[in-house]
Amino acid sequence: MTTTKRSLVLASARNNADWCAVMSRTHGVPGEFGAQAWTAPVRTPPYYPDAVTLVPGADPAEVTGRIDLTVPGATVKDSFADLDLTAAGFQVLFVAAWIHRPAGPPAAFSGAPWEVAGDPDAVRAWADAWDDGGGDADLFRPALLDDPATSLLAARAPDGRITAGAVASRSEGVLGLSNVFARDGGADAARPGALDAAHRLFPGLPVVGYEHGEELDTALRHGFTAAGPLRIWLHG
């Protein structure tokens, strides 16, 4: 891994850990940043890891010793794909890639500017659109409004319905973009608007995140490059 890519992965991992910490706090879950990882002592919200490593070569025992392994389901985001957690009862759930896009507008976007959800009703409408009837809309709570580094970006139809969205999470030197969705057309339809909003609201910040499978292919089509691999480990 080149020095540049290593720096991008370090920044991406920290950005992602910051976002996981924010989401966990809105669910009453305290987390802690250590020298090697961010960890939560109790189970985090669905789809969010119990630990995110922040540096390469983290001590597996140090990471797993700070999360709850008494029941199955704990997950660790192995940000540098360099841990072996099999001895602690984990298996690899999936492999993904950190992605990076230099600051700047999307190649092409002609839609109406996206907005930022600014009140509890807007957060609920955003969550309902993201969830699309899947039963997880309560994951995104109005307490997110209290975090100055987090913005729920939304596109609205003329009738006011939210048709697409994304989460923008700022950290030192980068902007994380996650949970990109569109009611029609999927992430391919949503990426240009999300990137336009990111450029307008946070000019000068490169955009980072992580994806795998088809979502990774979509991100690469919209100007992202892969910076390095990561793994998600599942316990039990």
C-alpha atoms as a PDB file:
ATOM      1  CA  MET A   1       0.000   0.000   0.000  1.00  0.00           C
ATOM      2  CA  THR A   2       1.392   3.412  -0.981  1.00  0.00           C
ATOM      3  CA  THR A   3       1.821   6.192   1.586  1.00  0.00           C
ATOM      4  CA  THR A   4      -1.058   8.112   0.022  1.00  0.00           C
ATOM      5  CA  LYS A   5      -3.423   5.165   0.151  1.00  0.00           C
ATOM      6  CA  ARG A   6      -2.343   4.367   3.698  1.00  0.00           C
ATOM      7  CA  SER A   7      -3.195   7.933   4.707  1.00  0.00           C
ATOM      8  CA  LEU A   8      -6.581   7.657   2.993  1.00  0.00           C
ATOM      9  CA  VAL A   9      -7.380   4.427   4.793  1.00  0.00           C
ATOM     10  CA  LEU A  10      -6.354   5.905   8.140  1.00  0.00           C
ATOM     11  CA  ALA A  11      -8.606   8.926   7.534  1.00  0.00           C
ATOM     12  CA  SER A  12     -11.466   6.753   6.273  1.00  0.00           C
ATOM     13  CA  ALA A  13     -11.284   4.412   9.259  1.00  0.00           C
ATOM     14  CA  ARG A  14     -11.335   7.303  11.711  1.00  0.00           C
ATOM     15  CA  ASN A  15     -14.217   8.958   9.854  1.00  0.00           C
ATOM     16  CA  ASN A  16     -16.191   5.740   9.920  1.00  0.00           C
ATOM     17  CA  ALA A  17     -15.469   5.198  13.600  1.00  0.00           C
ATOM     18  CA  ASP A  18     -16.633   8.752  14.339  1.00  0.00           C
ATOM     19  CA  TRP A  19     -19.904   8.057  12.522  1.00  0.00           C
ATOM     20  CA  CYS A  20     -20.386   4.716  14.294  1.00  0.00           C
ATOM     21  CA  ALA A  21     -19.821   6.491  17.614  1.00  0.00           C
ATOM     22  CA  VAL A  22     -22.460   9.114  16.763  1.00  0.00           C
ATOM     23  CA  MET A  23     -25.019   6.516  15.699  1.00  0.00           C
ATOM     24  CA  SER A  24     -24.364   4.447  18.815  1.00  0.00           C
ATOM     25  CA  ARG A  25     -24.768   7.456  21.113  1.00  0.00           C
ATOM     26  CA  THR A  26     -28.205   8.163  19.654  1.00  0.00           C
ATOM     27  CA  HIS A  27     -29.176   4.661  20.818  1.00  0.00           C
ATOM     28  CA  GLY A  28     -27.762   5.159  24.304  1.00  0.00           C
ATOM     29  CA  VAL A  29     -24.658   3.073  23.628  1.00  0.00           C
ATOM     30  CA  PRO A  30     -21.424   4.621  24.928  1.00  0.00           C
ATOM     31  CA  GLY A  31     -18.275   4.034  22.916  1.00  0.00           C
ATOM     32  CA  GLU A  32     -14.624   4.661  23.601  1.00  0.00           C
ATOM     33  CA  PHE A  33     -11.723   5.675  21.389  1.00  0.00           C
ATOM     34  CA  GLY A  34      -8.486   3.914  22.233  1.00  0.00           C
ATOM     35  CA  ALA A  35      -5.082   4.009  20.598  1.00  0.00           C
ATOM     36  CA  GLN A  36      -5.915   1.012  18.404  1.00  0.00           C
ATOM     37  CA  ALA A  37      -9.683   1.000  17.979  1.00  0.00           C
ATOM     38  CA  TRP A  38     -13.041   2.507  18.731  1.00  0.00           C
ATOM     39  CA  THR A  39     -15.098   0.013  20.742  1.00  0.00           C
ATOM     40  CA  ALA A  40     -18.489  -0.250  22.414  1.00  0.00           C
ATOM     41  CA  PRO A  41     -18.922  -2.318  25.592  1.00  0.00           C
ATOM     42  CA  VAL A  42     -22.514  -3.330  24.754  1.00  0.00           C
ATOM     43  CA  ARG A  43     -24.181  -4.253  21.498  1.00  0.00           C
ATOM     44  CA  THR A  44     -24.386  -1.448  18.964  1.00  0.00           C
ATOM     45  CA  PRO A  45     -27.394  -0.644  16.728  1.00  0.00           C
ATOM     46  CA  PRO A  46     -28.126  -3.041  13.846  1.00  0.00           C
ATOM     47  CA  TYR A  47     -25.675  -2.831  10.921  1.00  0.00           C
ATOM     48  CA  TYR A  48     -23.088  -1.004  13.052  1.00  0.00           C
ATOM     49  CA  PRO A  49     -19.910  -2.678  14.352  1.00  0.00           C
ATOM     50  CA  ASP A  50     -18.951  -3.141  17.974  1.00  0.00           C
ATOM     51  CA  ALA A  51     -15.375  -2.166  17.110  1.00  0.00           C
ATOM     52  CA  VAL A  52     -13.528  -0.309  14.353  1.00  0.00           C
ATOM     53  CA  THR A  53      -9.758  -0.607  14.194  1.00  0.00           C
ATOM     54  CA  LEU A  54      -7.965   2.717  13.708  1.00  0.00           C
ATOM     55  CA  VAL A  55      -4.395   1.598  12.998  1.00  0.00           C
ATOM     56  CA  PRO A  56      -2.806  -1.331  11.185  1.00  0.00           C
ATOM     57  CA  GLY A  57      -1.525  -4.175  13.314  1.00  0.00           C
ATOM     58  CA  ALA A  58      -4.032  -3.777  16.135  1.00  0.00           C
ATOM     59  CA  ASP A  59      -3.823  -6.394  18.897  1.00  0.00           C
ATOM     60  CA  PRO A  60      -6.753  -8.808  18.397  1.00  0.00           C
ATOM     61  CA  ALA A  61      -7.022  -9.513  22.130  1.00  0.00           C
ATOM     62  CA  GLU A  62      -7.091  -5.786  22.913  1.00  0.00           C
ATOM     63  CA  VAL A  63      -9.903  -5.198  20.403  1.00  0.00           C
ATOM     64  CA  THR A  64     -12.085  -8.180  21.265  1.00  0.00           C
ATOM     65  CA  GLY A  65     -11.475  -7.736  25.002  1.00  0.00           C
ATOM     66  CA  ARG A  66     -13.338  -4.410  24.935  1.00  0.00           C
ATOM     67  CA  ILE A  67     -16.588  -5.654  23.353  1.00  0.00           C
ATOM     68  CA  ASP A  68     -19.370  -7.976  24.506  1.00  0.00           C
ATOM     69  CA  LEU A  69     -18.794 -11.566  23.401  1.00  0.00           C
ATOM     70  CA  THR A  70     -21.224 -13.153  25.866  1.00  0.00           C
ATOM     71  CA  VAL A  71     -23.891 -13.484  23.169  1.00  0.00           C
ATOM     72  CA  PRO A  72     -23.467 -14.114  19.426  1.00  0.00           C
ATOM     73  CA  GLY A  73     -23.584 -11.265  16.949  1.00  0.00           C
ATOM     74  CA  ALA A  74     -20.668  -8.980  17.806  1.00  0.00           C
ATOM     75  CA  THR A  75     -18.918  -7.528  14.768  1.00  0.00           C
ATOM     76  CA  VAL A  76     -15.489  -5.986  14.235  1.00  0.00           C
ATOM     77  CA  LYS A  77     -14.589  -3.710  11.348  1.00  0.00           C
ATOM     78  CA  ASP A  78     -11.032  -4.769  10.529  1.00  0.00           C
ATOM     79  CA  SER A  79     -10.100  -1.529   8.778  1.00  0.00           C
ATOM     80  CA  PHE A  80      -6.794  -2.763   7.380  1.00  0.00           C
ATOM     81  CA  ALA A  81      -7.820  -6.377   6.670  1.00  0.00           C
ATOM     82  CA  ASP A  82      -4.885  -7.554   8.767  1.00  0.00           C
ATOM     83  CA  LEU A  83      -6.480  -9.201  11.816  1.00  0.00           C
ATOM     84  CA  ASP A  84      -7.064 -12.888  12.442  1.00  0.00           C
ATOM     85  CA  LEU A  85      -9.973 -13.229  14.871  1.00  0.00           C
ATOM     86  CA  THR A  86     -10.749 -16.893  14.264  1.00  0.00           C
ATOM     87  CA  ALA A  87      -9.251 -17.955  17.602  1.00  0.00           C
ATOM     88  CA  ALA A  88     -11.736 -15.650  19.344  1.00  0.00           C
ATOM     89  CA  GLY A  89     -14.694 -17.319  17.599  1.00  0.00           C
ATOM     90  CA  PHE A  90     -15.108 -14.886  14.676  1.00  0.00           C
ATOM     91  CA  GLN A  91     -15.532 -15.556  10.994  1.00  0.00           C
ATOM     92  CA  VAL A  92     -15.299 -13.152   8.055  1.00  0.00           C
ATOM     93  CA  LEU A  93     -18.764 -11.866   7.159  1.00  0.00           C
ATOM     94  CA  PHE A  94     -17.701  -9.948   4.058  1.00  0.00           C
ATOM     95  CA  VAL A  95     -14.790  -8.103   2.476  1.00  0.00           C
ATOM     96  CA  ALA A  96     -15.148  -4.524   1.234  1.00  0.00           C
ATOM     97  CA  ALA A  97     -13.029  -1.595   0.072  1.00  0.00           C
ATOM     98  CA  TRP A  98     -12.460   1.895   1.383  1.00  0.00           C
ATOM     99  CA  ILE A  99     -13.259   4.406  -1.336  1.00  0.00           C
ATOM    100  CA  HIS A 100     -12.072   7.945  -1.972  1.00  0.00           C
ATOM    101  CA  ARG A 101     -13.046  10.795  -4.282  1.00  0.00           C
ATOM    102  CA  PRO A 102     -11.182  14.119  -4.532  1.00  0.00           C
ATOM    103  CA  ALA A 103     -13.100  17.247  -3.589  1.00  0.00           C
ATOM    104  CA  GLY A 104     -15.178  18.659  -6.440  1.00  0.00           C
ATOM    105  CA  PRO A 105     -18.604  18.529  -8.080  1.00  0.00           C
ATOM    106  CA  PRO A 106     -19.990  15.432  -9.791  1.00  0.00           C
ATOM    107  CA  ALA A 107     -19.343  15.023 -13.486  1.00  0.00           C
ATOM    108  CA  ALA A 108     -23.004  15.638 -14.278  1.00  0.00           C
ATOM    109  CA  PHE A 109     -25.977  16.629 -12.126  1.00  0.00           C
ATOM    110  CA  SER A 110     -28.971  18.621 -13.329  1.00  0.00           C
ATOM    111  CA  GLY A 111     -31.524  17.972 -10.597  1.00  0.00           C
ATOM    112  CA  ALA A 112     -32.780  20.251  -7.852  1.00  0.00           C
ATOM    113  CA  PRO A 113     -30.287  20.834  -5.021  1.00  0.00           C
ATOM    114  CA  TRP A 114     -30.594  18.430  -2.136  1.00  0.00           C
ATOM    115  CA  GLU A 115     -31.483  19.718   1.326  1.00  0.00           C
ATOM    116  CA  VAL A 116     -30.406  18.866   4.861  1.00  0.00           C
ATOM    117  CA  ALA A 117     -33.005  17.311   7.170  1.00  0.00           C
ATOM    118  CA  GLY A 118     -33.349  19.960   9.855  1.00  0.00           C
ATOM    119  CA  ASP A 119     -36.073  18.845  12.260  1.00  0.00           C
ATOM    120  CA  PRO A 120     -37.444  15.603  13.777  1.00  0.00           C
ATOM    121  CA  ASP A 121     -40.213  15.297  11.173  1.00  0.00           C
ATOM    122  CA  ALA A 122     -37.661  15.584   8.364  1.00  0.00           C
ATOM    123  CA  VAL A 123     -35.446  12.972  10.013  1.00  0.00           C
ATOM    124  CA  ARG A 124     -38.399  10.596  10.252  1.00  0.00           C
ATOM    125  CA  ALA A 125     -39.352  11.177   6.628  1.00  0.00           C
ATOM    126  CA  TRP A 126     -35.727  10.565   5.603  1.00  0.00           C
ATOM    127  CA  ALA A 127     -35.575   7.363   7.657  1.00  0.00           C
ATOM    128  CA  ASP A 128     -38.855   6.089   6.200  1.00  0.00           C
ATOM    129  CA  ALA A 129     -37.575   6.710   2.661  1.00  0.00           C
ATOM    130  CA  TRP A 130     -34.232   5.027   3.408  1.00  0.00           C
ATOM    131  CA  ASP A 131     -35.954   2.040   5.005  1.00  0.00           C
ATOM    132  CA  ASP A 132     -38.617   1.638   2.294  1.00  0.00           C
ATOM    133  CA  GLY A 133     -40.800  -0.526   4.524  1.00  0.00           C
ATOM    134  CA  GLY A 134     -38.008  -2.798   5.753  1.00  0.00           C
ATOM    135  CA  GLY A 135     -38.724  -2.304   9.439  1.00  0.00           C
ATOM    136  CA  ASP A 136     -35.530  -0.451  10.368  1.00  0.00           C
ATOM    137  CA  ALA A 137     -36.638   3.189  10.106  1.00  0.00           C
ATOM    138  CA  ASP A 138     -36.153   3.674  13.871  1.00  0.00           C
ATOM    139  CA  LEU A 139     -32.416   3.230  13.355  1.00  0.00           C
ATOM    140  CA  PHE A 140     -32.133   6.927  12.459  1.00  0.00           C
ATOM    141  CA  ARG A 141     -33.317   9.056  15.362  1.00  0.00           C
ATOM    142  CA  PRO A 142     -33.907  12.797  15.844  1.00  0.00           C
ATOM    143  CA  ALA A 143     -30.925  12.897  18.234  1.00  0.00           C
ATOM    144  CA  LEU A 144     -28.747  12.916  15.102  1.00  0.00           C
ATOM    145  CA  LEU A 145     -29.722  16.582  14.786  1.00  0.00           C
ATOM    146  CA  ASP A 146     -27.659  17.293  17.896  1.00  0.00           C
ATOM    147  CA  ASP A 147     -24.403  16.255  16.222  1.00  0.00           C
ATOM    148  CA  PRO A 148     -22.847  19.144  14.263  1.00  0.00           C
ATOM    149  CA  ALA A 149     -20.708  16.785  12.183  1.00  0.00           C
ATOM    150  CA  THR A 150     -23.668  14.778  10.837  1.00  0.00           C
ATOM    151  CA  SER A 151     -26.047  15.797   8.049  1.00  0.00           C
ATOM    152  CA  LEU A 152     -28.884  13.768   6.533  1.00  0.00           C
ATOM    153  CA  LEU A 153     -28.991  14.840   2.880  1.00  0.00           C
ATOM    154  CA  ALA A 154     -32.279  14.503   1.029  1.00  0.00           C
ATOM    155  CA  ALA A 155     -33.756  14.989  -2.429  1.00  0.00           C
ATOM    156  CA  ARG A 156     -37.464  15.813  -2.625  1.00  0.00           C
ATOM    157  CA  ALA A 157     -40.010  15.353  -5.376  1.00  0.00           C
ATOM    158  CA  PRO A 158     -42.295  18.285  -6.289  1.00  0.00           C
ATOM    159  CA  ASP A 159     -44.952  16.839  -3.978  1.00  0.00           C
ATOM    160  CA  GLY A 160     -42.517  16.912  -1.036  1.00  0.00           C
ATOM    161  CA  ARG A 161     -41.738  13.183  -0.850  1.00  0.00           C
ATOM    162  CA  ILE A 162     -38.118  12.267  -0.168  1.00  0.00           C
ATOM    163  CA  THR A 163     -36.877  10.353  -3.180  1.00  0.00           C
ATOM    164  CA  ALA A 164     -33.171   9.931  -2.373  1.00  0.00           C
ATOM    165  CA  GLY A 165     -30.733  10.544   0.419  1.00  0.00           C
ATOM    166  CA  ALA A 166     -27.370   9.985   2.065  1.00  0.00           C
ATOM    167  CA  VAL A 167     -25.562  10.558   5.341  1.00  0.00           C
ATOM    168  CA  ALA A 168     -22.695  13.052   5.317  1.00  0.00           C
ATOM    169  CA  SER A 169     -20.356  12.810   8.316  1.00  0.00           C
ATOM    170  CA  ARG A 170     -17.468  15.223   8.725  1.00  0.00           C
ATOM    171  CA  SER A 171     -14.206  14.442  10.442  1.00  0.00           C
ATOM    172  CA  GLU A 172     -10.700  15.845  10.250  1.00  0.00           C
ATOM    173  CA  GLY A 173      -9.910  16.541   6.600  1.00  0.00           C
ATOM    174  CA  VAL A 174     -12.557  14.325   4.984  1.00  0.00           C
ATOM    175  CA  LEU A 175     -16.294  13.913   4.503  1.00  0.00           C
ATOM    176  CA  GLY A 176     -17.813  10.466   4.885  1.00  0.00           C
ATOM    177  CA  LEU A 177     -20.713   9.580   2.595  1.00  0.00           C
ATOM    178  CA  SER A 178     -22.805   6.561   3.550  1.00  0.00           C
ATOM    179  CA  ASN A 179     -26.332   5.144   3.367  1.00  0.00           C
ATOM    180  CA  VAL A 180     -26.715   6.442  -0.181  1.00  0.00           C
ATOM    181  CA  PHE A 181     -30.142   5.498  -1.543  1.00  0.00           C
ATOM    182  CA  ALA A 182     -32.811   6.372  -4.095  1.00  0.00           C
ATOM    183  CA  ARG A 183     -36.397   5.150  -4.135  1.00  0.00           C
ATOM    184  CA  ASP A 184     -36.011   4.564  -7.879  1.00  0.00           C
ATOM    185  CA  GLY A 185     -32.747   3.701  -9.571  1.00  0.00           C
ATOM    186  CA  GLY A 186     -30.742   2.829  -6.468  1.00  0.00           C
ATOM    187  CA  ALA A 187     -27.380   4.337  -5.565  1.00  0.00           C
ATOM    188  CA  ASP A 188     -26.554   4.927  -9.230  1.00  0.00           C
ATOM    189  CA  ALA A 189     -29.375   7.470  -9.358  1.00  0.00           C
ATOM    190  CA  ALA A 190     -28.490   8.977  -5.974  1.00  0.00           C
ATOM    191  CA  ARG A 191     -24.707   9.395  -6.226  1.00  0.00           C
ATOM    192  CA  PRO A 192     -24.651  12.540  -8.447  1.00  0.00           C
ATOM    193  CA  GLY A 193     -27.076  14.430  -6.201  1.00  0.00           C
ATOM    194  CA  ALA A 194     -25.310  13.323  -3.034  1.00  0.00           C
ATOM    195  CA  LEU A 195     -21.938  14.413  -4.426  1.00  0.00           C
ATOM    196  CA  ASP A 196     -23.391  17.746  -5.558  1.00  0.00           C
ATOM    197  CA  ALA A 197     -24.746  18.351  -2.047  1.00  0.00           C
ATOM    198  CA  ALA A 198     -21.416  17.345  -0.513  1.00  0.00           C
ATOM    199  CA  HIS A 199     -19.584  19.777  -2.781  1.00  0.00           C
ATOM    200  CA  ARG A 200     -21.995  22.648  -2.071  1.00  0.00           C
ATOM    201  CA  LEU A 201     -22.165  22.152   1.680  1.00  0.00           C
ATOM    202  CA  PHE A 202     -18.587  21.073   2.373  1.00  0.00           C
ATOM    203  CA  PRO A 203     -16.405  22.511  -0.417  1.00  0.00           C
ATOM    204  CA  GLY A 204     -12.827  21.414  -0.401  1.00  0.00           C
ATOM    205  CA  LEU A 205     -13.361  18.180   1.508  1.00  0.00           C
ATOM    206  CA  PRO A 206     -12.522  14.894  -0.239  1.00  0.00           C
ATOM    207  CA  VAL A 207     -15.223  12.250   0.111  1.00  0.00           C
ATOM    208  CA  VAL A 208     -14.569   8.844   1.666  1.00  0.00           C
ATOM    209  CA  GLY A 209     -16.558   5.760   2.584  1.00  0.00           C
ATOM    210  CA  TYR A 210     -16.607   2.032   1.998  1.00  0.00           C
ATOM    211  CA  GLU A 211     -18.616  -0.281  -0.239  1.00  0.00           C
ATOM    212  CA  HIS A 212     -18.648  -3.830  -1.531  1.00  0.00           C
ATOM    213  CA  GLY A 213     -20.301  -5.762  -4.351  1.00  0.00           C
ATOM    214  CA  GLU A 214     -22.550  -3.827  -6.728  1.00  0.00           C
ATOM    215  CA  GLU A 215     -22.449  -0.716  -4.532  1.00  0.00           C
ATOM    216  CA  LEU A 216     -18.662  -0.619  -4.932  1.00  0.00           C
ATOM    217  CA  ASP A 217     -19.018  -0.847  -8.709  1.00  0.00           C
ATOM    218  CA  THR A 218     -21.515   2.030  -8.568  1.00  0.00           C
ATOM    219  CA  ALA A 219     -19.172   4.229  -6.538  1.00  0.00           C
ATOM    220  CA  LEU A 220     -16.306   3.584  -8.947  1.00  0.00           C
ATOM    221  CA  ARG A 221     -18.519   4.683 -11.845  1.00  0.00           C
ATOM    222  CA  HIS A 222     -19.029   8.016 -10.084  1.00  0.00           C
ATOM    223  CA  GLY A 223     -15.410   9.005  -9.663  1.00  0.00           C
ATOM    224  CA  PHE A 224     -14.353   7.084  -6.564  1.00  0.00           C
ATOM    225  CA  THR A 225     -11.234   4.962  -6.388  1.00  0.00           C
ATOM    226  CA  ALA A 226     -10.540   2.046  -4.068  1.00  0.00           C
ATOM    227  CA  ALA A 227      -7.977   2.915  -1.389  1.00  0.00           C
ATOM    228  CA  GLY A 228      -7.604  -0.410   0.422  1.00  0.00           C
ATOM    229  CA  PRO A 229      -9.450  -3.473   1.710  1.00  0.00           C
ATOM    230  CA  LEU A 230     -11.325  -3.988   4.953  1.00  0.00           C
ATOM    231  CA  ARG A 231     -13.088  -6.980   6.497  1.00  0.00           C
ATOM    232  CA  ILE A 232     -16.107  -7.344   8.706  1.00  0.00           C
ATOM    233  CA  TRP A 233     -15.777 -10.146  11.279  1.00  0.00           C
ATOM    234  CA  LEU A 234     -18.826 -11.737  12.919  1.00  0.00           C
ATOM    235  CA  HIS A 235     -18.723 -13.505  16.293  1.00  0.00           C
ATOM    236  CA  GLY A 236     -20.664 -16.664  16.965  1.00  0.00           C
END
